[in-house]
Amino acid sequence: AERMQTHGRIMAENSPYFGPMFESGELNYN
């Protein structure tokens, strides 16, 4: 299950949509 979530998180970090959300703090990973 963590493999799937990790792939999704990496996709989000590298996406033009989600990437800026990580930078602004709107999106975070605990």
PDB file of all heavy atoms in Angstrom:
ATOM      1  N   ALA A   1       0.839  -1.202   0.000  1.00  0.00           N
ATOM      2  CA  ALA A   1       0.000   0.000   0.000  1.00  0.00           C
ATOM      3  C   ALA A   1       0.871   1.248   0.000  1.00  0.00           C
ATOM      4  O   ALA A   1       0.578   2.222  -0.697  1.00  0.00           O
ATOM      5  CB  ALA A   1      -0.930  -0.002   1.220  1.00  0.00           C
ATOM      6  N   GLU A   2       1.956   1.214   0.753  1.00  0.00           N
ATOM      7  CA  GLU A   2       2.846   2.371   0.806  1.00  0.00           C
ATOM      8  C   GLU A   2       3.540   2.611  -0.537  1.00  0.00           C
ATOM      9  O   GLU A   2       3.774   3.752  -0.909  1.00  0.00           O
ATOM     10  CB  GLU A   2       3.883   2.198   1.917  1.00  0.00           C
ATOM     11  CG  GLU A   2       4.666   3.461   2.174  1.00  0.00           C
ATOM     12  CD  GLU A   2       5.568   3.358   3.390  1.00  0.00           C
ATOM     13  OE1 GLU A   2       5.502   2.369   4.145  1.00  0.00           O
ATOM     14  OE2 GLU A   2       6.354   4.301   3.597  1.00  0.00           O
ATOM     15  N   ARG A   3       3.826   1.543  -1.272  1.00  0.00           N
ATOM     16  CA  ARG A   3       4.400   1.716  -2.622  1.00  0.00           C
ATOM     17  C   ARG A   3       3.467   2.538  -3.502  1.00  0.00           C
ATOM     18  O   ARG A   3       3.896   3.443  -4.205  1.00  0.00           O
ATOM     19  CB  ARG A   3       4.631   0.358  -3.285  1.00  0.00           C
ATOM     20  CG  ARG A   3       5.927  -0.248  -2.979  1.00  0.00           C
ATOM     21  CD  ARG A   3       6.161  -1.489  -3.858  1.00  0.00           C
ATOM     22  NE  ARG A   3       7.045  -2.368  -3.155  1.00  0.00           N
ATOM     23  CZ  ARG A   3       6.756  -3.584  -2.715  1.00  0.00           C
ATOM     24  NH1 ARG A   3       5.573  -4.102  -2.963  1.00  0.00           N
ATOM     25  NH2 ARG A   3       7.620  -4.283  -2.049  1.00  0.00           N
ATOM     26  N   MET A   4       2.178   2.203  -3.464  1.00  0.00           N
ATOM     27  CA  MET A   4       1.208   2.958  -4.273  1.00  0.00           C
ATOM     28  C   MET A   4       1.172   4.409  -3.847  1.00  0.00           C
ATOM     29  O   MET A   4       1.188   5.306  -4.681  1.00  0.00           O
ATOM     30  CB  MET A   4      -0.201   2.371  -4.119  1.00  0.00           C
ATOM     31  CG  MET A   4      -0.448   1.115  -4.867  1.00  0.00           C
ATOM     32  SD  MET A   4      -2.209   0.730  -4.883  1.00  0.00           S
ATOM     33  CE  MET A   4      -2.628   0.672  -3.156  1.00  0.00           C
ATOM     34  N   GLN A   5       1.086   4.644  -2.550  1.00  0.00           N
ATOM     35  CA  GLN A   5       1.007   6.006  -2.064  1.00  0.00           C
ATOM     36  C   GLN A   5       2.285   6.782  -2.398  1.00  0.00           C
ATOM     37  O   GLN A   5       2.221   7.950  -2.774  1.00  0.00           O
ATOM     38  CB  GLN A   5       0.762   6.043  -0.558  1.00  0.00           C
ATOM     39  CG  GLN A   5       0.524   7.461  -0.064  1.00  0.00           C
ATOM     40  CD  GLN A   5       0.595   7.572   1.432  1.00  0.00           C
ATOM     41  OE1 GLN A   5       1.510   7.058   2.050  1.00  0.00           O
ATOM     42  NE2 GLN A   5      -0.384   8.247   2.009  1.00  0.00           N
ATOM     43  N   THR A   6       3.421   6.141  -2.291  1.00  0.00           N
ATOM     44  CA  THR A   6       4.694   6.800  -2.610  1.00  0.00           C
ATOM     45  C   THR A   6       4.728   7.220  -4.074  1.00  0.00           C
ATOM     46  O   THR A   6       5.127   8.341  -4.395  1.00  0.00           O
ATOM     47  CB  THR A   6       5.881   5.874  -2.283  1.00  0.00           C
ATOM     48  OG1 THR A   6       5.877   5.617  -0.879  1.00  0.00           O
ATOM     49  CG2 THR A   6       7.204   6.503  -2.685  1.00  0.00           C
ATOM     50  N   HIS A   7       4.284   6.341  -4.960  1.00  0.00           N
ATOM     51  CA  HIS A   7       4.236   6.702  -6.386  1.00  0.00           C
ATOM     52  C   HIS A   7       3.316   7.899  -6.609  1.00  0.00           C
ATOM     53  O   HIS A   7       3.639   8.818  -7.365  1.00  0.00           O
ATOM     54  CB  HIS A   7       3.788   5.523  -7.246  1.00  0.00           C
ATOM     55  CG  HIS A   7       4.804   4.450  -7.383  1.00  0.00           C
ATOM     56  ND1 HIS A   7       6.046   4.657  -7.930  1.00  0.00           N
ATOM     57  CD2 HIS A   7       4.761   3.142  -7.031  1.00  0.00           C
ATOM     58  CE1 HIS A   7       6.725   3.524  -7.912  1.00  0.00           C
ATOM     59  NE2 HIS A   7       5.970   2.591  -7.371  1.00  0.00           N
ATOM     60  N   GLY A   8       2.162   7.898  -5.948  1.00  0.00           N
ATOM     61  CA  GLY A   8       1.235   9.025  -6.068  1.00  0.00           C
ATOM     62  C   GLY A   8       1.836  10.319  -5.543  1.00  0.00           C
ATOM     63  O   GLY A   8       1.703  11.381  -6.154  1.00  0.00           O
ATOM     64  N   ARG A   9       2.520  10.246  -4.399  1.00  0.00           N
ATOM     65  CA  ARG A   9       3.150  11.447  -3.826  1.00  0.00           C
ATOM     66  C   ARG A   9       4.249  11.974  -4.749  1.00  0.00           C
ATOM     67  O   ARG A   9       4.325  13.182  -4.992  1.00  0.00           O
ATOM     68  CB  ARG A   9       3.733  11.128  -2.446  1.00  0.00           C
ATOM     69  CG  ARG A   9       4.392  12.329  -1.777  1.00  0.00           C
ATOM     70  CD  ARG A   9       4.959  11.994  -0.417  1.00  0.00           C
ATOM     71  NE  ARG A   9       5.754  10.793  -0.343  1.00  0.00           N
ATOM     72  CZ  ARG A   9       7.039  10.691  -0.733  1.00  0.00           C
ATOM     73  NH1 ARG A   9       7.666  11.732  -1.223  1.00  0.00           N
ATOM     74  NH2 ARG A   9       7.680   9.552  -0.620  1.00  0.00           N
ATOM     75  N   ILE A  10       5.061  11.094  -5.306  1.00  0.00           N
ATOM     76  CA  ILE A  10       6.124  11.529  -6.223  1.00  0.00           C
ATOM     77  C   ILE A  10       5.524  12.154  -7.477  1.00  0.00           C
ATOM     78  O   ILE A  10       6.006  13.177  -7.969  1.00  0.00           O
ATOM     79  CB  ILE A  10       7.064  10.356  -6.558  1.00  0.00           C
ATOM     80  CG1 ILE A  10       7.873   9.979  -5.309  1.00  0.00           C
ATOM     81  CG2 ILE A  10       7.986  10.702  -7.719  1.00  0.00           C
ATOM     82  CD1 ILE A  10       8.649   8.676  -5.439  1.00  0.00           C
ATOM     83  N   MET A  11       4.445  11.551  -7.983  1.00  0.00           N
ATOM     84  CA  MET A  11       3.759  12.144  -9.141  1.00  0.00           C
ATOM     85  C   MET A  11       3.272  13.545  -8.802  1.00  0.00           C
ATOM     86  O   MET A  11       3.403  14.474  -9.602  1.00  0.00           O
ATOM     87  CB  MET A  11       2.583  11.268  -9.577  1.00  0.00           C
ATOM     88  CG  MET A  11       2.991   9.993 -10.264  1.00  0.00           C
ATOM     89  SD  MET A  11       1.578   8.897 -10.582  1.00  0.00           S
ATOM     90  CE  MET A  11       0.592   9.893 -11.669  1.00  0.00           C
ATOM     91  N   ALA A  12       2.697  13.705  -7.609  1.00  0.00           N
ATOM     92  CA  ALA A  12       2.187  15.015  -7.190  1.00  0.00           C
ATOM     93  C   ALA A  12       3.321  16.021  -7.060  1.00  0.00           C
ATOM     94  O   ALA A  12       3.203  17.165  -7.525  1.00  0.00           O
ATOM     95  CB  ALA A  12       1.431  14.890  -5.868  1.00  0.00           C
ATOM     96  N   GLU A  13       4.423  15.620  -6.448  1.00  0.00           N
ATOM     97  CA  GLU A  13       5.559  16.531  -6.266  1.00  0.00           C
ATOM     98  C   GLU A  13       6.110  17.022  -7.604  1.00  0.00           C
ATOM     99  O   GLU A  13       6.565  18.155  -7.715  1.00  0.00           O
ATOM    100  CB  GLU A  13       6.677  15.838  -5.483  1.00  0.00           C
ATOM    101  CG  GLU A  13       6.341  15.644  -4.019  1.00  0.00           C
ATOM    102  CD  GLU A  13       7.338  14.736  -3.301  1.00  0.00           C
ATOM    103  OE1 GLU A  13       8.174  14.076  -3.960  1.00  0.00           O
ATOM    104  OE2 GLU A  13       7.271  14.685  -2.059  1.00  0.00           O
ATOM    105  N   ASN A  14       6.024  16.176  -8.625  1.00  0.00           N
ATOM    106  CA  ASN A  14       6.568  16.525  -9.944  1.00  0.00           C
ATOM    107  C   ASN A  14       5.538  17.100 -10.905  1.00  0.00           C
ATOM    108  O   ASN A  14       5.873  17.419 -12.040  1.00  0.00           O
ATOM    109  CB  ASN A  14       7.233  15.290 -10.571  1.00  0.00           C
ATOM    110  CG  ASN A  14       8.470  14.885  -9.825  1.00  0.00           C
ATOM    111  OD1 ASN A  14       9.355  15.700  -9.593  1.00  0.00           O
ATOM    112  ND2 ASN A  14       8.539  13.630  -9.423  1.00  0.00           N
ATOM    113  N   SER A  15       4.298  17.224 -10.460  1.00  0.00           N
ATOM    114  CA  SER A  15       3.260  17.702 -11.372  1.00  0.00           C
ATOM    115  C   SER A  15       3.178  19.226 -11.371  1.00  0.00           C
ATOM    116  O   SER A  15       3.369  19.871 -10.343  1.00  0.00           O
ATOM    117  CB  SER A  15       1.909  17.092 -11.007  1.00  0.00           C
ATOM    118  OG  SER A  15       1.110  17.966 -10.277  1.00  0.00           O
ATOM    119  N   PRO A  16       2.861  19.813 -12.527  1.00  0.00           N
ATOM    120  CA  PRO A  16       2.695  21.266 -12.573  1.00  0.00           C
ATOM    121  C   PRO A  16       1.489  21.745 -11.771  1.00  0.00           C
ATOM    122  O   PRO A  16       1.447  22.901 -11.363  1.00  0.00           O
ATOM    123  CB  PRO A  16       2.524  21.566 -14.063  1.00  0.00           C
ATOM    124  CG  PRO A  16       2.318  20.272 -14.751  1.00  0.00           C
ATOM    125  CD  PRO A  16       2.726  19.179 -13.823  1.00  0.00           C
ATOM    126  N   TYR A  17       0.530  20.874 -11.505  1.00  0.00           N
ATOM    127  CA  TYR A  17      -0.651  21.250 -10.731  1.00  0.00           C
ATOM    128  C   TYR A  17      -0.360  21.182  -9.228  1.00  0.00           C
ATOM    129  O   TYR A  17      -0.603  22.136  -8.493  1.00  0.00           O
ATOM    130  CB  TYR A  17      -1.827  20.326 -11.094  1.00  0.00           C
ATOM    131  CG  TYR A  17      -3.087  20.609 -10.305  1.00  0.00           C
ATOM    132  CD1 TYR A  17      -3.888  21.711 -10.607  1.00  0.00           C
ATOM    133  CD2 TYR A  17      -3.477  19.786  -9.263  1.00  0.00           C
ATOM    134  CE1 TYR A  17      -5.039  21.980  -9.878  1.00  0.00           C
ATOM    135  CE2 TYR A  17      -4.629  20.041  -8.534  1.00  0.00           C
ATOM    136  CZ  TYR A  17      -5.398  21.144  -8.847  1.00  0.00           C
ATOM    137  OH  TYR A  17      -6.545  21.404  -8.121  1.00  0.00           O
ATOM    138  N   PHE A  18       0.129  20.030  -8.760  1.00  0.00           N
ATOM    139  CA  PHE A  18       0.336  19.832  -7.328  1.00  0.00           C
ATOM    140  C   PHE A  18       1.664  20.388  -6.817  1.00  0.00           C
ATOM    141  O   PHE A  18       1.750  20.780  -5.656  1.00  0.00           O
ATOM    142  CB  PHE A  18       0.274  18.336  -6.977  1.00  0.00           C
ATOM    143  CG  PHE A  18      -1.107  17.760  -7.015  1.00  0.00           C
ATOM    144  CD1 PHE A  18      -1.458  16.832  -7.984  1.00  0.00           C
ATOM    145  CD2 PHE A  18      -2.051  18.114  -6.071  1.00  0.00           C
ATOM    146  CE1 PHE A  18      -2.725  16.278  -8.016  1.00  0.00           C
ATOM    147  CE2 PHE A  18      -3.324  17.565  -6.092  1.00  0.00           C
ATOM    148  CZ  PHE A  18      -3.658  16.644  -7.066  1.00  0.00           C
ATOM    149  N   GLY A  19       2.697  20.392  -7.638  1.00  0.00           N
ATOM    150  CA  GLY A  19       4.025  20.829  -7.200  1.00  0.00           C
ATOM    151  C   GLY A  19       4.025  22.164  -6.471  1.00  0.00           C
ATOM    152  O   GLY A  19       4.551  22.266  -5.349  1.00  0.00           O
ATOM    153  N   PRO A  20       3.423  23.211  -7.054  1.00  0.00           N
ATOM    154  CA  PRO A  20       3.376  24.505  -6.355  1.00  0.00           C
ATOM    155  C   PRO A  20       2.620  24.455  -5.021  1.00  0.00           C
ATOM    156  O   PRO A  20       2.895  25.239  -4.120  1.00  0.00           O
ATOM    157  CB  PRO A  20       2.671  25.426  -7.353  1.00  0.00           C
ATOM    158  CG  PRO A  20       2.909  24.795  -8.686  1.00  0.00           C
ATOM    159  CD  PRO A  20       2.925  23.319  -8.428  1.00  0.00           C
ATOM    160  N   MET A  21       1.675  23.517  -4.888  1.00  0.00           N
ATOM    161  CA  MET A  21       0.942  23.393  -3.624  1.00  0.00           C
ATOM    162  C   MET A  21       1.855  22.911  -2.505  1.00  0.00           C
ATOM    163  O   MET A  21       1.678  23.301  -1.349  1.00  0.00           O
ATOM    164  CB  MET A  21      -0.248  22.442  -3.781  1.00  0.00           C
ATOM    165  CG  MET A  21      -1.359  22.976  -4.654  1.00  0.00           C
ATOM    166  SD  MET A  21      -2.706  21.776  -4.646  1.00  0.00           S
ATOM    167  CE  MET A  21      -3.588  22.275  -6.103  1.00  0.00           C
ATOM    168  N   PHE A  22       2.810  22.042  -2.836  1.00  0.00           N
ATOM    169  CA  PHE A  22       3.790  21.620  -1.828  1.00  0.00           C
ATOM    170  C   PHE A  22       4.632  22.823  -1.396  1.00  0.00           C
ATOM    171  O   PHE A  22       4.878  23.026  -0.221  1.00  0.00           O
ATOM    172  CB  PHE A  22       4.720  20.530  -2.383  1.00  0.00           C
ATOM    173  CG  PHE A  22       4.154  19.144  -2.335  1.00  0.00           C
ATOM    174  CD1 PHE A  22       3.717  18.525  -3.482  1.00  0.00           C
ATOM    175  CD2 PHE A  22       4.094  18.447  -1.130  1.00  0.00           C
ATOM    176  CE1 PHE A  22       3.215  17.237  -3.447  1.00  0.00           C
ATOM    177  CE2 PHE A  22       3.591  17.159  -1.081  1.00  0.00           C
ATOM    178  CZ  PHE A  22       3.145  16.545  -2.246  1.00  0.00           C
ATOM    179  N   GLU A  23       5.057  23.601  -2.391  1.00  0.00           N
ATOM    180  CA  GLU A  23       5.910  24.761  -2.110  1.00  0.00           C
ATOM    181  C   GLU A  23       5.191  25.805  -1.256  1.00  0.00           C
ATOM    182  O   GLU A  23       5.795  26.417  -0.374  1.00  0.00           O
ATOM    183  CB  GLU A  23       6.404  25.378  -3.415  1.00  0.00           C
ATOM    184  CG  GLU A  23       7.357  24.468  -4.177  1.00  0.00           C
ATOM    185  CD  GLU A  23       7.671  24.954  -5.579  1.00  0.00           C
ATOM    186  OE1 GLU A  23       7.430  26.139  -5.883  1.00  0.00           O
ATOM    187  OE2 GLU A  23       8.153  24.137  -6.379  1.00  0.00           O
ATOM    188  N   SER A  24       3.904  26.003  -1.497  1.00  0.00           N
ATOM    189  CA  SER A  24       3.148  27.018  -0.742  1.00  0.00           C
ATOM    190  C   SER A  24       2.671  26.512   0.620  1.00  0.00           C
ATOM    191  O   SER A  24       2.203  27.298   1.437  1.00  0.00           O
ATOM    192  CB  SER A  24       1.941  27.489  -1.557  1.00  0.00           C
ATOM    193  OG  SER A  24       0.951  26.458  -1.597  1.00  0.00           O
ATOM    194  N   GLY A  25       2.744  25.207   0.836  1.00  0.00           N
ATOM    195  CA  GLY A  25       2.271  24.634   2.097  1.00  0.00           C
ATOM    196  C   GLY A  25       0.814  24.212   2.073  1.00  0.00           C
ATOM    197  O   GLY A  25       0.300  23.712   3.076  1.00  0.00           O
ATOM    198  N   GLU A  26       0.107  24.408   0.944  1.00  0.00           N
ATOM    199  CA  GLU A  26      -1.288  23.957   0.835  1.00  0.00           C
ATOM    200  C   GLU A  26      -1.375  22.438   0.900  1.00  0.00           C
ATOM    201  O   GLU A  26      -2.381  21.883   1.319  1.00  0.00           O
ATOM    202  CB  GLU A  26      -1.894  24.384  -0.507  1.00  0.00           C
ATOM    203  CG  GLU A  26      -2.202  25.840  -0.664  1.00  0.00           C
ATOM    204  CD  GLU A  26      -2.752  26.103  -2.056  1.00  0.00           C
ATOM    205  OE1 GLU A  26      -3.819  25.552  -2.380  1.00  0.00           O
ATOM    206  OE2 GLU A  26      -2.108  26.840  -2.813  1.00  0.00           O
ATOM    207  N   LEU A  27      -0.328  21.786   0.431  1.00  0.00           N
ATOM    208  CA  LEU A  27      -0.284  20.331   0.348  1.00  0.00           C
ATOM    209  C   LEU A  27       0.935  19.870   1.127  1.00  0.00           C
ATOM    210  O   LEU A  27       2.032  20.399   0.941  1.00  0.00           O
ATOM    211  CB  LEU A  27      -0.168  19.927  -1.127  1.00  0.00           C
ATOM    212  CG  LEU A  27      -0.339  18.472  -1.508  1.00  0.00           C
ATOM    213  CD1 LEU A  27      -1.726  17.960  -1.123  1.00  0.00           C
ATOM    214  CD2 LEU A  27      -0.144  18.312  -3.013  1.00  0.00           C
ATOM    215  N   ASN A  28       0.719  18.922   2.033  1.00  0.00           N
ATOM    216  CA  ASN A  28       1.880  18.424   2.755  1.00  0.00           C
ATOM    217  C   ASN A  28       1.779  16.925   2.971  1.00  0.00           C
ATOM    218  O   ASN A  28       0.698  16.347   2.901  1.00  0.00           O
ATOM    219  CB  ASN A  28       2.110  19.167   4.075  1.00  0.00           C
ATOM    220  CG  ASN A  28       1.031  18.906   5.091  1.00  0.00           C
ATOM    221  OD1 ASN A  28       0.659  17.774   5.349  1.00  0.00           O
ATOM    222  ND2 ASN A  28       0.514  19.964   5.686  1.00  0.00           N
ATOM    223  N   TYR A  29       2.934  16.346   3.219  1.00  0.00           N
ATOM    224  CA  TYR A  29       3.015  14.907   3.472  1.00  0.00           C
ATOM    225  C   TYR A  29       3.593  14.697   4.867  1.00  0.00           C
ATOM    226  O   TYR A  29       4.692  15.161   5.162  1.00  0.00           O
ATOM    227  CB  TYR A  29       3.888  14.218   2.423  1.00  0.00           C
ATOM    228  CG  TYR A  29       3.992  12.732   2.653  1.00  0.00           C
ATOM    229  CD1 TYR A  29       2.895  11.914   2.438  1.00  0.00           C
ATOM    230  CD2 TYR A  29       5.176  12.156   3.096  1.00  0.00           C
ATOM    231  CE1 TYR A  29       2.975  10.549   2.661  1.00  0.00           C
ATOM    232  CE2 TYR A  29       5.260  10.794   3.315  1.00  0.00           C
ATOM    233  CZ  TYR A  29       4.153   9.996   3.093  1.00  0.00           C
ATOM    234  OH  TYR A  29       4.232   8.644   3.312  1.00  0.00           O
ATOM    235  N   ASN A  30       2.846  14.013   5.716  1.00  0.00           N
ATOM    236  CA  ASN A  30       3.303  13.697   7.058  1.00  0.00           C
ATOM    237  C   ASN A  30       3.976  12.330   7.007  1.00  0.00           C
ATOM    238  O   ASN A  30       3.309  11.305   6.820  1.00  0.00           O
ATOM    239  CB  ASN A  30       2.118  13.683   8.029  1.00  0.00           C
ATOM    240  CG  ASN A  30       2.531  13.425   9.447  1.00  0.00           C
ATOM    241  OD1 ASN A  30       3.312  12.528   9.733  1.00  0.00           O
ATOM    242  ND2 ASN A  30       1.974  14.216  10.354  1.00  0.00           N
TER     243      ASN A  30
END
